[in-house]
PDB file of N, CA and C in Angstrom:
ATOM      1  N   MET A   1     -17.606 -60.252  32.938  1.00  0.00           N
ATOM      2  CA  MET A   1     -16.654 -59.836  33.945  1.00  0.00           C
ATOM      3  C   MET A   1     -15.535 -60.879  33.991  1.00  0.00           C
ATOM      4  N   GLU A   2     -14.306 -60.415  34.161  1.00  0.00           N
ATOM      5  CA  GLU A   2     -13.158 -61.307  34.141  1.00  0.00           C
ATOM      6  C   GLU A   2     -12.187 -60.967  35.270  1.00  0.00           C
ATOM      7  N   LYS A   3     -11.472 -61.996  35.740  1.00  0.00           N
ATOM      8  CA  LYS A   3     -10.503 -61.814  36.812  1.00  0.00           C
ATOM      9  C   LYS A   3      -9.368 -62.818  36.605  1.00  0.00           C
ATOM     10  N   THR A   4      -8.141 -62.417  36.937  1.00  0.00           N
ATOM     11  CA  THR A   4      -6.989 -63.310  36.858  1.00  0.00           C
ATOM     12  C   THR A   4      -6.409 -63.483  38.252  1.00  0.00           C
ATOM     13  N   LEU A   5      -6.160 -64.744  38.616  1.00  0.00           N
ATOM     14  CA  LEU A   5      -5.568 -65.066  39.918  1.00  0.00           C
ATOM     15  C   LEU A   5      -4.322 -65.910  39.703  1.00  0.00           C
ATOM     16  N   GLU A   6      -3.376 -65.786  40.627  1.00  0.00           N
ATOM     17  CA  GLU A   6      -2.214 -66.669  40.599  1.00  0.00           C
ATOM     18  C   GLU A   6      -2.503 -67.852  41.512  1.00  0.00           C
ATOM     19  N   ILE A   7      -2.449 -69.043  40.932  1.00  0.00           N
ATOM     20  CA  ILE A   7      -2.697 -70.273  41.684  1.00  0.00           C
ATOM     21  C   ILE A   7      -1.546 -71.224  41.396  1.00  0.00           C
ATOM     22  N   ASP A   8      -0.866 -71.623  42.435  1.00  0.00           N
ATOM     23  CA  ASP A   8       0.245 -72.566  42.302  1.00  0.00           C
ATOM     24  C   ASP A   8       1.269 -72.078  41.277  1.00  0.00           C
ATOM     25  N   GLY A   9       1.524 -70.765  41.280  1.00  0.00           N
ATOM     26  CA  GLY A   9       2.510 -70.168  40.396  1.00  0.00           C
ATOM     27  C   GLY A   9       2.038 -69.941  38.971  1.00  0.00           C
ATOM     28  N   LYS A  10       0.765 -70.191  38.681  1.00  0.00           N
ATOM     29  CA  LYS A  10       0.217 -70.013  37.335  1.00  0.00           C
ATOM     30  C   LYS A  10      -0.804 -68.889  37.327  1.00  0.00           C
ATOM     31  N   GLN A  11      -0.822 -68.125  36.264  1.00  0.00           N
ATOM     32  CA  GLN A  11      -1.849 -67.111  36.067  1.00  0.00           C
ATOM     33  C   GLN A  11      -3.074 -67.798  35.473  1.00  0.00           C
ATOM     34  N   VAL A  12      -4.185 -67.743  36.197  1.00  0.00           N
ATOM     35  CA  VAL A  12      -5.408 -68.404  35.758  1.00  0.00           C
ATOM     36  C   VAL A  12      -6.499 -67.361  35.606  1.00  0.00           C
ATOM     37  N   ARG A  13      -7.085 -67.335  34.431  1.00  0.00           N
ATOM     38  CA  ARG A  13      -8.178 -66.403  34.149  1.00  0.00           C
ATOM     39  C   ARG A  13      -9.521 -67.040  34.481  1.00  0.00           C
ATOM     40  N   PHE A  14     -10.433 -66.224  34.979  1.00  0.00           N
ATOM     41  CA  PHE A  14     -11.798 -66.645  35.273  1.00  0.00           C
ATOM     42  C   PHE A  14     -12.738 -65.617  34.663  1.00  0.00           C
ATOM     43  N   LYS A  15     -13.859 -66.099  34.173  1.00  0.00           N
ATOM     44  CA  LYS A  15     -14.793 -65.194  33.507  1.00  0.00           C
ATOM     45  C   LYS A  15     -16.214 -65.702  33.683  1.00  0.00           C
ATOM     46  N   SER A  16     -17.129 -64.748  33.810  1.00  0.00           N
ATOM     47  CA  SER A  16     -18.547 -65.074  33.881  1.00  0.00           C
ATOM     48  C   SER A  16     -19.258 -64.358  32.737  1.00  0.00           C
ATOM     49  N   THR A  17     -20.009 -65.129  31.953  1.00  0.00           N
ATOM     50  CA  THR A  17     -20.799 -64.564  30.859  1.00  0.00           C
ATOM     51  C   THR A  17     -22.193 -65.178  30.909  1.00  0.00           C
ATOM     52  N   ALA A  18     -23.031 -64.767  29.984  1.00  0.00           N
ATOM     53  CA  ALA A  18     -24.374 -65.339  29.908  1.00  0.00           C
ATOM     54  C   ALA A  18     -24.324 -66.830  29.572  1.00  0.00           C
ATOM     55  N   ALA A  19     -23.241 -67.290  28.966  1.00  0.00           N
ATOM     56  CA  ALA A  19     -23.099 -68.702  28.604  1.00  0.00           C
ATOM     57  C   ALA A  19     -22.609 -69.578  29.754  1.00  0.00           C
ATOM     58  N   THR A  20     -22.143 -68.985  30.829  1.00  0.00           N
ATOM     59  CA  THR A  20     -21.594 -69.763  31.948  1.00  0.00           C
ATOM     60  C   THR A  20     -22.589 -70.786  32.491  1.00  0.00           C
ATOM     61  N   PRO A  21     -23.833 -70.424  32.782  1.00  0.00           N
ATOM     62  CA  PRO A  21     -24.780 -71.437  33.286  1.00  0.00           C
ATOM     63  C   PRO A  21     -25.047 -72.563  32.280  1.00  0.00           C
ATOM     64  N   LEU A  22     -25.031 -72.248  30.994  1.00  0.00           N
ATOM     65  CA  LEU A  22     -25.236 -73.278  29.973  1.00  0.00           C
ATOM     66  C   LEU A  22     -24.048 -74.235  29.914  1.00  0.00           C
ATOM     67  N   ARG A  23     -22.848 -73.678  30.002  1.00  0.00           N
ATOM     68  CA  ARG A  23     -21.635 -74.498  30.013  1.00  0.00           C
ATOM     69  C   ARG A  23     -21.615 -75.407  31.244  1.00  0.00           C
ATOM     70  N   TYR A  24     -22.040 -74.872  32.376  1.00  0.00           N
ATOM     71  CA  TYR A  24     -22.098 -75.652  33.628  1.00  0.00           C
ATOM     72  C   TYR A  24     -23.063 -76.829  33.459  1.00  0.00           C
ATOM     73  N   LYS A  25     -24.246 -76.559  32.931  1.00  0.00           N
ATOM     74  CA  LYS A  25     -25.262 -77.603  32.734  1.00  0.00           C
ATOM     75  C   LYS A  25     -24.762 -78.662  31.751  1.00  0.00           C
ATOM     76  N   ALA A  26     -24.108 -78.230  30.673  1.00  0.00           N
ATOM     77  CA  ALA A  26     -23.586 -79.163  29.676  1.00  0.00           C
ATOM     78  C   ALA A  26     -22.514 -80.075  30.262  1.00  0.00           C
ATOM     79  N   GLN A  27     -21.657 -79.531  31.133  1.00  0.00           N
ATOM     80  CA  GLN A  27     -20.560 -80.313  31.707  1.00  0.00           C
ATOM     81  C   GLN A  27     -21.014 -81.198  32.863  1.00  0.00           C
ATOM     82  N   PHE A  28     -21.837 -80.649  33.752  1.00  0.00           N
ATOM     83  CA  PHE A  28     -22.150 -81.343  35.001  1.00  0.00           C
ATOM     84  C   PHE A  28     -23.586 -81.856  35.095  1.00  0.00           C
ATOM     85  N   GLY A  29     -24.439 -81.441  34.163  1.00  0.00           N
ATOM     86  CA  GLY A  29     -25.821 -81.908  34.187  1.00  0.00           C
ATOM     87  C   GLY A  29     -26.631 -81.345  35.342  1.00  0.00           C
ATOM     88  N   ARG A  30     -26.183 -80.237  35.876  1.00  0.00           N
ATOM     89  CA  ARG A  30     -26.839 -79.620  37.031  1.00  0.00           C
ATOM     90  C   ARG A  30     -27.091 -78.144  36.726  1.00  0.00           C
ATOM     91  N   ASP A  31     -28.044 -77.562  37.433  1.00  0.00           N
ATOM     92  CA  ASP A  31     -28.356 -76.157  37.244  1.00  0.00           C
ATOM     93  C   ASP A  31     -27.360 -75.279  38.002  1.00  0.00           C
ATOM     94  N   PHE A  32     -26.731 -74.363  37.285  1.00  0.00           N
ATOM     95  CA  PHE A  32     -25.720 -73.479  37.852  1.00  0.00           C
ATOM     96  C   PHE A  32     -26.272 -72.645  39.001  1.00  0.00           C
ATOM     97  N   PHE A  33     -27.413 -71.995  38.764  1.00  0.00           N
ATOM     98  CA  PHE A  33     -27.961 -71.097  39.783  1.00  0.00           C
ATOM     99  C   PHE A  33     -28.469 -71.862  41.002  1.00  0.00           C
ATOM    100  N   ALA A  34     -29.042 -73.037  40.799  1.00  0.00           N
ATOM    101  CA  ALA A  34     -29.501 -73.847  41.929  1.00  0.00           C
ATOM    102  C   ALA A  34     -28.313 -74.248  42.801  1.00  0.00           C
ATOM    103  N   ASP A  35     -27.219 -74.663  42.177  1.00  0.00           N
ATOM    104  CA  ASP A  35     -26.027 -75.030  42.951  1.00  0.00           C
ATOM    105  C   ASP A  35     -25.424 -73.819  43.645  1.00  0.00           C
ATOM    106  N   LEU A  36     -25.422 -72.702  42.955  1.00  0.00           N
ATOM    107  CA  LEU A  36     -24.877 -71.475  43.533  1.00  0.00           C
ATOM    108  C   LEU A  36     -25.692 -71.052  44.762  1.00  0.00           C
ATOM    109  N   LEU A  37     -26.986 -71.137  44.669  1.00  0.00           N
ATOM    110  CA  LEU A  37     -27.845 -70.736  45.787  1.00  0.00           C
ATOM    111  C   LEU A  37     -27.751 -71.697  46.976  1.00  0.00           C
ATOM    112  N   LYS A  38     -27.418 -72.956  46.719  1.00  0.00           N
ATOM    113  CA  LYS A  38     -27.226 -73.913  47.821  1.00  0.00           C
ATOM    114  C   LYS A  38     -26.070 -73.478  48.725  1.00  0.00           C
ATOM    115  N   MET A  39     -25.103 -72.778  48.150  1.00  0.00           N
ATOM    116  CA  MET A  39     -23.946 -72.350  48.925  1.00  0.00           C
ATOM    117  C   MET A  39     -24.280 -71.196  49.864  1.00  0.00           C
ATOM    118  N   GLU A  40     -25.463 -70.646  49.716  1.00  0.00           N
ATOM    119  CA  GLU A  40     -25.921 -69.583  50.612  1.00  0.00           C
ATOM    120  C   GLU A  40     -25.930 -70.069  52.066  1.00  0.00           C
ATOM    121  N   LYS A  41     -26.067 -71.378  52.239  1.00  0.00           N
ATOM    122  CA  LYS A  41     -26.064 -71.963  53.587  1.00  0.00           C
ATOM    123  C   LYS A  41     -24.787 -71.644  54.347  1.00  0.00           C
ATOM    124  N   LEU A  42     -23.700 -71.446  53.627  1.00  0.00           N
ATOM    125  CA  LEU A  42     -22.424 -71.142  54.278  1.00  0.00           C
ATOM    126  C   LEU A  42     -22.480 -69.858  55.087  1.00  0.00           C
ATOM    127  N   ARG A  43     -23.325 -68.939  54.667  1.00  0.00           N
ATOM    128  CA  ARG A  43     -23.433 -67.676  55.390  1.00  0.00           C
ATOM    129  C   ARG A  43     -23.962 -67.884  56.805  1.00  0.00           C
ATOM    130  N   LYS A  44     -24.659 -69.000  57.021  1.00  0.00           N
ATOM    131  CA  LYS A  44     -25.223 -69.304  58.333  1.00  0.00           C
ATOM    132  C   LYS A  44     -24.212 -70.007  59.245  1.00  0.00           C
ATOM    133  N   PHE A  45     -23.104 -70.462  58.651  1.00  0.00           N
ATOM    134  CA  PHE A  45     -22.116 -71.187  59.449  1.00  0.00           C
ATOM    135  C   PHE A  45     -21.328 -70.226  60.321  1.00  0.00           C
ATOM    136  N   ASP A  46     -21.222 -70.577  61.591  1.00  0.00           N
ATOM    137  CA  ASP A  46     -20.456 -69.794  62.552  1.00  0.00           C
ATOM    138  C   ASP A  46     -19.664 -70.759  63.421  1.00  0.00           C
ATOM    139  N   PRO A  47     -18.321 -70.826  63.229  1.00  0.00           N
ATOM    140  CA  PRO A  47     -17.531 -71.775  64.013  1.00  0.00           C
ATOM    141  C   PRO A  47     -17.623 -71.538  65.518  1.00  0.00           C
ATOM    142  N   LYS A  48     -17.934 -70.299  65.918  1.00  0.00           N
ATOM    143  CA  LYS A  48     -18.079 -70.018  67.352  1.00  0.00           C
ATOM    144  C   LYS A  48     -19.311 -70.713  67.919  1.00  0.00           C
ATOM    145  N   LYS A  49     -20.334 -70.839  67.089  1.00  0.00           N
ATOM    146  CA  LYS A  49     -21.562 -71.514  67.528  1.00  0.00           C
ATOM    147  C   LYS A  49     -21.486 -73.019  67.305  1.00  0.00           C
ATOM    148  N   GLU A  50     -20.444 -73.442  66.615  1.00  0.00           N
ATOM    149  CA  GLU A  50     -20.228 -74.848  66.293  1.00  0.00           C
ATOM    150  C   GLU A  50     -21.452 -75.483  65.646  1.00  0.00           C
ATOM    151  N   ASN A  51     -22.062 -74.777  64.714  1.00  0.00           N
ATOM    152  CA  ASN A  51     -23.219 -75.306  64.006  1.00  0.00           C
ATOM    153  C   ASN A  51     -22.758 -76.037  62.732  1.00  0.00           C
ATOM    154  N   TYR A  52     -22.021 -77.106  62.925  1.00  0.00           N
ATOM    155  CA  TYR A  52     -21.410 -77.842  61.832  1.00  0.00           C
ATOM    156  C   TYR A  52     -22.423 -78.586  60.969  1.00  0.00           C
ATOM    157  N   GLU A  53     -23.641 -78.730  61.435  1.00  0.00           N
ATOM    158  CA  GLU A  53     -24.664 -79.393  60.627  1.00  0.00           C
ATOM    159  C   GLU A  53     -24.920 -78.634  59.324  1.00  0.00           C
ATOM    160  N   VAL A  54     -24.641 -77.336  59.325  1.00  0.00           N
ATOM    161  CA  VAL A  54     -24.767 -76.538  58.101  1.00  0.00           C
ATOM    162  C   VAL A  54     -23.805 -77.074  57.043  1.00  0.00           C
ATOM    163  N   LEU A  55     -22.613 -77.443  57.460  1.00  0.00           N
ATOM    164  CA  LEU A  55     -21.596 -77.928  56.523  1.00  0.00           C
ATOM    165  C   LEU A  55     -21.893 -79.334  56.013  1.00  0.00           C
ATOM    166  N   GLU A  56     -22.613 -80.119  56.795  1.00  0.00           N
ATOM    167  CA  GLU A  56     -22.892 -81.499  56.407  1.00  0.00           C
ATOM    168  C   GLU A  56     -23.692 -81.593  55.119  1.00  0.00           C
ATOM    169  N   SER A  57     -24.509 -80.610  54.847  1.00  0.00           N
ATOM    170  CA  SER A  57     -25.361 -80.665  53.660  1.00  0.00           C
ATOM    171  C   SER A  57     -24.682 -80.111  52.410  1.00  0.00           C
ATOM    172  N   LEU A  58     -23.468 -79.595  52.540  1.00  0.00           N
ATOM    173  CA  LEU A  58     -22.770 -79.019  51.388  1.00  0.00           C
ATOM    174  C   LEU A  58     -21.985 -80.084  50.634  1.00  0.00           C
ATOM    175  N   ASP A  59     -21.960 -79.961  49.334  1.00  0.00           N
ATOM    176  CA  ASP A  59     -21.180 -80.837  48.472  1.00  0.00           C
ATOM    177  C   ASP A  59     -19.995 -80.021  47.956  1.00  0.00           C
ATOM    178  N   THR A  60     -18.809 -80.330  48.420  1.00  0.00           N
ATOM    179  CA  THR A  60     -17.640 -79.514  48.059  1.00  0.00           C
ATOM    180  C   THR A  60     -17.311 -79.593  46.578  1.00  0.00           C
ATOM    181  N   THR A  61     -17.765 -80.640  45.896  1.00  0.00           N
ATOM    182  CA  THR A  61     -17.495 -80.700  44.463  1.00  0.00           C
ATOM    183  C   THR A  61     -18.197 -79.566  43.719  1.00  0.00           C
ATOM    184  N   VAL A  62     -19.277 -79.035  44.294  1.00  0.00           N
ATOM    185  CA  VAL A  62     -19.956 -77.897  43.673  1.00  0.00           C
ATOM    186  C   VAL A  62     -18.998 -76.710  43.585  1.00  0.00           C
ATOM    187  N   PHE A  63     -18.222 -76.477  44.630  1.00  0.00           N
ATOM    188  CA  PHE A  63     -17.243 -75.386  44.616  1.00  0.00           C
ATOM    189  C   PHE A  63     -16.245 -75.588  43.480  1.00  0.00           C
ATOM    190  N   LEU A  64     -15.721 -76.802  43.387  1.00  0.00           N
ATOM    191  CA  LEU A  64     -14.743 -77.101  42.340  1.00  0.00           C
ATOM    192  C   LEU A  64     -15.362 -76.968  40.955  1.00  0.00           C
ATOM    193  N   ASN A  65     -16.596 -77.426  40.812  1.00  0.00           N
ATOM    194  CA  ASN A  65     -17.275 -77.324  39.520  1.00  0.00           C
ATOM    195  C   ASN A  65     -17.460 -75.870  39.098  1.00  0.00           C
ATOM    196  N   ILE A  66     -17.829 -75.032  40.040  1.00  0.00           N
ATOM    197  CA  ILE A  66     -18.038 -73.614  39.736  1.00  0.00           C
ATOM    198  C   ILE A  66     -16.712 -72.948  39.369  1.00  0.00           C
ATOM    199  N   VAL A  67     -15.666 -73.249  40.101  1.00  0.00           N
ATOM    200  CA  VAL A  67     -14.348 -72.693  39.780  1.00  0.00           C
ATOM    201  C   VAL A  67     -13.944 -73.116  38.373  1.00  0.00           C
ATOM    202  N   TRP A  68     -14.118 -74.406  38.073  1.00  0.00           N
ATOM    203  CA  TRP A  68     -13.731 -74.898  36.748  1.00  0.00           C
ATOM    204  C   TRP A  68     -14.518 -74.201  35.641  1.00  0.00           C
ATOM    205  N   VAL A  69     -15.836 -74.071  35.804  1.00  0.00           N
ATOM    206  CA  VAL A  69     -16.643 -73.479  34.726  1.00  0.00           C
ATOM    207  C   VAL A  69     -16.285 -72.014  34.512  1.00  0.00           C
ATOM    208  N   LEU A  70     -15.907 -71.298  35.559  1.00  0.00           N
ATOM    209  CA  LEU A  70     -15.466 -69.906  35.395  1.00  0.00           C
ATOM    210  C   LEU A  70     -14.136 -69.847  34.648  1.00  0.00           C
ATOM    211  N   ALA A  71     -13.258 -70.814  34.905  1.00  0.00           N
ATOM    212  CA  ALA A  71     -11.980 -70.877  34.179  1.00  0.00           C
ATOM    213  C   ALA A  71     -12.214 -71.289  32.726  1.00  0.00           C
ATOM    214  N   LYS A  72     -13.085 -72.243  32.516  1.00  0.00           N
ATOM    215  CA  LYS A  72     -13.388 -72.727  31.159  1.00  0.00           C
ATOM    216  C   LYS A  72     -14.049 -71.627  30.333  1.00  0.00           C
ATOM    217  N   THR A  73     -14.873 -70.804  30.971  1.00  0.00           N
ATOM    218  CA  THR A  73     -15.502 -69.690  30.264  1.00  0.00           C
ATOM    219  C   THR A  73     -14.435 -68.695  29.807  1.00  0.00           C
ATOM    220  N   ALA A  74     -13.408 -68.491  30.628  1.00  0.00           N
ATOM    221  CA  ALA A  74     -12.327 -67.564  30.269  1.00  0.00           C
ATOM    222  C   ALA A  74     -11.384 -68.149  29.228  1.00  0.00           C
ATOM    223  N   ASP A  75     -11.184 -69.470  29.275  1.00  0.00           N
ATOM    224  CA  ASP A  75     -10.236 -70.119  28.372  1.00  0.00           C
ATOM    225  C   ASP A  75     -10.822 -71.444  27.881  1.00  0.00           C
ATOM    226  N   PRO A  76     -11.466 -71.443  26.730  1.00  0.00           N
ATOM    227  CA  PRO A  76     -12.103 -72.660  26.217  1.00  0.00           C
ATOM    228  C   PRO A  76     -11.136 -73.827  25.981  1.00  0.00           C
ATOM    229  N   LYS A  77      -9.829 -73.556  25.980  1.00  0.00           N
ATOM    230  CA  LYS A  77      -8.853 -74.616  25.725  1.00  0.00           C
ATOM    231  C   LYS A  77      -8.528 -75.458  26.956  1.00  0.00           C
ATOM    232  N   ILE A  78      -8.981 -75.040  28.155  1.00  0.00           N
ATOM    233  CA  ILE A  78      -8.637 -75.853  29.318  1.00  0.00           C
ATOM    234  C   ILE A  78      -9.352 -77.205  29.224  1.00  0.00           C
ATOM    235  N   PRO A  79      -8.708 -78.256  29.740  1.00  0.00           N
ATOM    236  CA  PRO A  79      -9.286 -79.601  29.625  1.00  0.00           C
ATOM    237  C   PRO A  79     -10.418 -79.842  30.621  1.00  0.00           C
ATOM    238  N   ASP A  80     -10.899 -81.074  30.625  1.00  0.00           N
ATOM    239  CA  ASP A  80     -11.962 -81.468  31.543  1.00  0.00           C
ATOM    240  C   ASP A  80     -11.529 -81.200  32.989  1.00  0.00           C
ATOM    241  N   PRO A  81     -12.476 -81.133  33.921  1.00  0.00           N
ATOM    242  CA  PRO A  81     -12.142 -80.748  35.298  1.00  0.00           C
ATOM    243  C   PRO A  81     -11.058 -81.602  35.960  1.00  0.00           C
ATOM    244  N   LEU A  82     -11.141 -82.919  35.858  1.00  0.00           N
ATOM    245  CA  LEU A  82     -10.129 -83.764  36.517  1.00  0.00           C
ATOM    246  C   LEU A  82      -8.736 -83.498  35.975  1.00  0.00           C
ATOM    247  N   THR A  83      -8.615 -83.419  34.667  1.00  0.00           N
ATOM    248  CA  THR A  83      -7.315 -83.156  34.045  1.00  0.00           C
ATOM    249  C   THR A  83      -6.800 -81.784  34.448  1.00  0.00           C
ATOM    250  N   TRP A  84      -7.691 -80.790  34.437  1.00  0.00           N
ATOM    251  CA  TRP A  84      -7.275 -79.425  34.769  1.00  0.00           C
ATOM    252  C   TRP A  84      -6.822 -79.312  36.216  1.00  0.00           C
ATOM    253  N   PHE A  85      -7.604 -79.843  37.144  1.00  0.00           N
ATOM    254  CA  PHE A  85      -7.210 -79.750  38.554  1.00  0.00           C
ATOM    255  C   PHE A  85      -5.944 -80.546  38.839  1.00  0.00           C
ATOM    256  N   ASP A  86      -5.679 -81.593  38.080  1.00  0.00           N
ATOM    257  CA  ASP A  86      -4.439 -82.363  38.246  1.00  0.00           C
ATOM    258  C   ASP A  86      -3.199 -81.564  37.859  1.00  0.00           C
ATOM    259  N   THR A  87      -3.360 -80.451  37.151  1.00  0.00           N
ATOM    260  CA  THR A  87      -2.194 -79.643  36.771  1.00  0.00           C
ATOM    261  C   THR A  87      -1.693 -78.785  37.934  1.00  0.00           C
ATOM    262  N   PHE A  88      -2.429 -78.761  39.033  1.00  0.00           N
ATOM    263  CA  PHE A  88      -2.040 -77.970  40.212  1.00  0.00           C
ATOM    264  C   PHE A  88      -1.563 -78.897  41.321  1.00  0.00           C
ATOM    265  N   GLU A  89      -0.414 -78.567  41.891  1.00  0.00           N
ATOM    266  CA  GLU A  89       0.040 -79.321  43.060  1.00  0.00           C
ATOM    267  C   GLU A  89      -0.771 -78.934  44.284  1.00  0.00           C
ATOM    268  N   SER A  90      -1.096 -77.661  44.387  1.00  0.00           N
ATOM    269  CA  SER A  90      -1.952 -77.196  45.472  1.00  0.00           C
ATOM    270  C   SER A  90      -2.990 -76.249  44.887  1.00  0.00           C
ATOM    271  N   PHE A  91      -4.163 -76.252  45.480  1.00  0.00           N
ATOM    272  CA  PHE A  91      -5.256 -75.413  45.002  1.00  0.00           C
ATOM    273  C   PHE A  91      -6.026 -74.919  46.226  1.00  0.00           C
ATOM    274  N   PRO A  92      -5.688 -73.717  46.719  1.00  0.00           N
ATOM    275  CA  PRO A  92      -6.334 -73.198  47.930  1.00  0.00           C
ATOM    276  C   PRO A  92      -7.779 -72.765  47.633  1.00  0.00           C
ATOM    277  N   LEU A  93      -8.672 -73.737  47.647  1.00  0.00           N
ATOM    278  CA  LEU A  93     -10.052 -73.510  47.229  1.00  0.00           C
ATOM    279  C   LEU A  93     -10.723 -72.374  47.990  1.00  0.00           C
ATOM    280  N   ASP A  94     -10.490 -72.299  49.292  1.00  0.00           N
ATOM    281  CA  ASP A  94     -11.136 -71.241  50.085  1.00  0.00           C
ATOM    282  C   ASP A  94     -10.683 -69.852  49.628  1.00  0.00           C
ATOM    283  N   GLU A  95      -9.396 -69.699  49.356  1.00  0.00           N
ATOM    284  CA  GLU A  95      -8.878 -68.401  48.898  1.00  0.00           C
ATOM    285  C   GLU A  95      -9.373 -68.073  47.487  1.00  0.00           C
ATOM    286  N   VAL A  96      -9.283 -69.045  46.602  1.00  0.00           N
ATOM    287  CA  VAL A  96      -9.704 -68.838  45.224  1.00  0.00           C
ATOM    288  C   VAL A  96     -11.178 -68.467  45.180  1.00  0.00           C
ATOM    289  N   PHE A  97     -11.978 -69.235  45.893  1.00  0.00           N
ATOM    290  CA  PHE A  97     -13.419 -69.000  45.853  1.00  0.00           C
ATOM    291  C   PHE A  97     -13.774 -67.627  46.417  1.00  0.00           C
ATOM    292  N   SER A  98     -13.077 -67.206  47.459  1.00  0.00           N
ATOM    293  CA  SER A  98     -13.377 -65.886  48.022  1.00  0.00           C
ATOM    294  C   SER A  98     -13.056 -64.772  47.021  1.00  0.00           C
ATOM    295  N   HIS A  99     -12.035 -64.979  46.181  1.00  0.00           N
ATOM    296  CA  HIS A  99     -11.693 -63.979  45.163  1.00  0.00           C
ATOM    297  C   HIS A  99     -12.670 -63.987  43.990  1.00  0.00           C
ATOM    298  N   LEU A 100     -13.391 -65.088  43.834  1.00  0.00           N
ATOM    299  CA  LEU A 100     -14.314 -65.202  42.710  1.00  0.00           C
ATOM    300  C   LEU A 100     -15.741 -64.802  43.058  1.00  0.00           C
ATOM    301  N   GLN A 101     -15.972 -64.435  44.290  1.00  0.00           N
ATOM    302  CA  GLN A 101     -17.333 -64.101  44.716  1.00  0.00           C
ATOM    303  C   GLN A 101     -17.945 -62.973  43.899  1.00  0.00           C
ATOM    304  N   ASP A 102     -17.159 -61.978  43.535  1.00  0.00           N
ATOM    305  CA  ASP A 102     -17.722 -60.870  42.760  1.00  0.00           C
ATOM    306  C   ASP A 102     -18.164 -61.322  41.365  1.00  0.00           C
ATOM    307  N   LEU A 103     -17.457 -62.296  40.783  1.00  0.00           N
ATOM    308  CA  LEU A 103     -17.895 -62.851  39.505  1.00  0.00           C
ATOM    309  C   LEU A 103     -19.238 -63.558  39.660  1.00  0.00           C
ATOM    310  N   LEU A 104     -19.379 -64.277  40.756  1.00  0.00           N
ATOM    311  CA  LEU A 104     -20.616 -65.008  40.993  1.00  0.00           C
ATOM    312  C   LEU A 104     -21.774 -64.062  41.275  1.00  0.00           C
ATOM    313  N   ILE A 105     -21.513 -63.034  42.042  1.00  0.00           N
ATOM    314  CA  ILE A 105     -22.557 -62.037  42.323  1.00  0.00           C
ATOM    315  C   ILE A 105     -22.972 -61.363  41.021  1.00  0.00           C
ATOM    316  N   HIS A 106     -21.992 -61.079  40.171  1.00  0.00           N
ATOM    317  CA  HIS A 106     -22.270 -60.474  38.866  1.00  0.00           C
ATOM    318  C   HIS A 106     -23.196 -61.378  38.045  1.00  0.00           C
ATOM    319  N   SER A 107     -23.038 -62.694  38.177  1.00  0.00           N
ATOM    320  CA  SER A 107     -23.890 -63.635  37.457  1.00  0.00           C
ATOM    321  C   SER A 107     -25.338 -63.562  37.900  1.00  0.00           C
ATOM    322  N   LEU A 108     -25.557 -63.210  39.142  1.00  0.00           N
ATOM    323  CA  LEU A 108     -26.903 -63.204  39.716  1.00  0.00           C
ATOM    324  C   LEU A 108     -27.618 -61.879  39.574  1.00  0.00           C
ATOM    325  N   GLN A 109     -26.885 -60.818  39.326  1.00  0.00           N
ATOM    326  CA  GLN A 109     -27.488 -59.479  39.300  1.00  0.00           C
ATOM    327  C   GLN A 109     -28.064 -59.159  37.920  1.00  0.00           C
ATOM    328  N   SER A 110     -29.104 -58.366  37.961  1.00  0.00           N
ATOM    329  CA  SER A 110     -29.643 -57.851  36.707  1.00  0.00           C
ATOM    330  C   SER A 110     -29.255 -56.383  36.600  1.00  0.00           C
ATOM    331  N   LYS A 111     -29.260 -55.902  35.380  1.00  0.00           N
ATOM    332  CA  LYS A 111     -28.924 -54.492  35.163  1.00  0.00           C
ATOM    333  C   LYS A 111     -30.206 -53.755  34.811  1.00  0.00           C
ATOM    334  N   LYS A 112     -30.684 -52.952  35.727  1.00  0.00           N
ATOM    335  CA  LYS A 112     -31.902 -52.176  35.490  1.00  0.00           C
ATOM    336  C   LYS A 112     -31.523 -50.799  34.989  1.00  0.00           C
ATOM    337  N   LYS A 113     -32.318 -50.282  34.082  1.00  0.00           N
ATOM    338  CA  LYS A 113     -32.083 -48.935  33.568  1.00  0.00           C
ATOM    339  C   LYS A 113     -33.221 -48.040  33.979  1.00  0.00           C
TER     340      LYS A 113
END
């Protein structure tokens, strides 16, 4: 599955394939699905209830790592994460990540026949 978003005036492609978790592990030394499932805690966050302790356990670099690996899967020529993120003056992580949720869900689903 693939998606293109405009970020900081640039067209950026994102893609999820069977190789995405392997690429994530190779780059970051962490399990893709374990990190993805840790973000499930966000669903419990409710600013009206002010349960900010949910946010304390989150590592925001996981979000950036996942965004990068989806971009790297779409375009193998993009550089390492620090170099790539430095090419953007602004990077609205919350907006980008919300647009990529369907790619992530696609990574977790199986296709039954």
